[in-house]
């Protein structure tokens, strides 16, 4: 499998992440660690977007990230496939 989401640019497979929520400004951001060991900072995002990204990072695998936008995506799964 490639180390980027097919048909896109700026995406790379993530091995780890760090989430940072700043209550003083009510915004959060992430530091993505790529499969190559690079650490990439995302832009700040509001609480609802931050929560969505955290949910995907915690519950899906593999996850691909685009640090320039703070976006994440997953690999294609067959319909009905259960989590193990």
Protein backbone atom coordinates (compact mmCIF):
# COMPACT_ATOMS: atom_id res chain seq x y z
CA UNK A 1 0.00 0.00 0.00
CA UNK A 2 1.33 3.48 -0.79
CA UNK A 3 2.27 5.86 2.01
CA UNK A 4 -0.18 8.51 0.79
CA UNK A 5 -3.89 8.61 0.08
CA UNK A 6 -4.32 7.77 -3.59
CA UNK A 7 -5.47 10.56 -5.89
CA UNK A 8 -4.44 13.33 -3.54
CA UNK A 9 -1.42 15.49 -2.83
CA UNK A 10 0.04 16.57 0.50
CA UNK A 11 -1.05 13.38 2.28
CA UNK A 12 1.24 11.00 4.14
CA UNK A 13 0.77 7.96 6.34
CA UNK A 14 0.82 8.83 10.04
CA UNK A 15 2.60 6.74 12.65
CA UNK A 16 1.74 8.92 15.64
CA UNK A 17 0.27 12.23 16.68
CA UNK A 18 0.25 14.72 19.53
CA UNK A 19 -2.90 16.72 20.26
CA UNK A 20 -2.68 20.18 21.79
CA UNK A 21 -5.77 22.01 23.10
CA UNK A 22 -5.30 25.59 24.31
CA UNK A 23 -8.20 26.58 26.62
CA UNK A 24 -7.07 30.22 26.69
CA UNK A 25 -8.00 30.63 23.02
CA UNK A 26 -10.42 27.66 22.65
CA UNK A 27 -8.46 26.22 19.72
CA UNK A 28 -6.46 23.06 19.18
CA UNK A 29 -3.86 21.73 16.79
CA UNK A 30 -1.94 18.53 16.12
CA UNK A 31 1.61 17.44 15.54
CA UNK A 32 1.58 14.55 13.08
CA UNK A 33 4.51 12.12 13.01
CA UNK A 34 4.82 10.62 9.55
CA UNK A 35 5.96 7.11 8.64
CA UNK A 36 9.32 8.75 7.78
CA UNK A 37 9.69 10.17 11.30
CA UNK A 38 8.96 13.79 10.33
CA UNK A 39 6.97 15.89 12.79
CA UNK A 40 4.50 18.24 11.10
CA UNK A 41 2.37 20.93 12.76
CA UNK A 42 -1.24 21.56 11.68
CA UNK A 43 -3.08 24.87 11.79
CA UNK A 44 -5.30 25.62 14.81
CA UNK A 45 -8.90 24.41 14.58
CA UNK A 46 -12.11 24.96 16.54
CA UNK A 47 -13.47 22.48 19.11
CA UNK A 48 -15.84 20.59 16.79
CA UNK A 49 -13.20 19.99 14.10
CA UNK A 50 -10.60 19.12 16.74
CA UNK A 51 -12.94 16.48 18.22
CA UNK A 52 -13.62 14.96 14.77
CA UNK A 53 -9.91 14.64 14.01
CA UNK A 54 -9.20 13.11 17.44
CA UNK A 55 -11.96 10.55 16.86
CA UNK A 56 -10.51 9.45 13.52
CA UNK A 57 -6.96 9.33 14.85
CA UNK A 58 -8.02 7.19 17.83
CA UNK A 59 -10.37 4.79 16.05
CA UNK A 60 -9.13 4.22 12.51
CA UNK A 61 -6.07 2.60 11.02
CA UNK A 62 -4.20 3.32 8.86
CA UNK A 63 -4.67 7.08 8.92
CA UNK A 64 -3.23 9.54 6.42
CA UNK A 65 -2.79 13.22 7.27
CA UNK A 66 -2.33 16.50 5.48
CA UNK A 67 -0.57 18.79 7.95
CA UNK A 68 -1.01 21.92 5.84
CA UNK A 69 -4.80 21.71 6.29
CA UNK A 70 -5.11 19.55 9.43
CA UNK A 71 -7.13 17.03 7.44
CA UNK A 72 -7.13 13.26 7.98
CA UNK A 73 -8.41 10.35 5.93
CA UNK A 74 -8.49 6.59 6.21
CA UNK A 75 -7.85 3.71 3.86
CA UNK A 76 -10.76 2.15 1.99
CA UNK A 77 -12.69 -0.47 3.96
CA UNK A 78 -15.19 -2.99 2.65
CA UNK A 79 -18.80 -2.42 3.67
CA UNK A 80 -19.66 -4.51 6.72
CA UNK A 81 -16.05 -4.98 7.77
CA UNK A 82 -15.88 -5.15 11.55
CA UNK A 83 -13.20 -3.63 13.70
CA UNK A 84 -10.88 -6.15 15.31
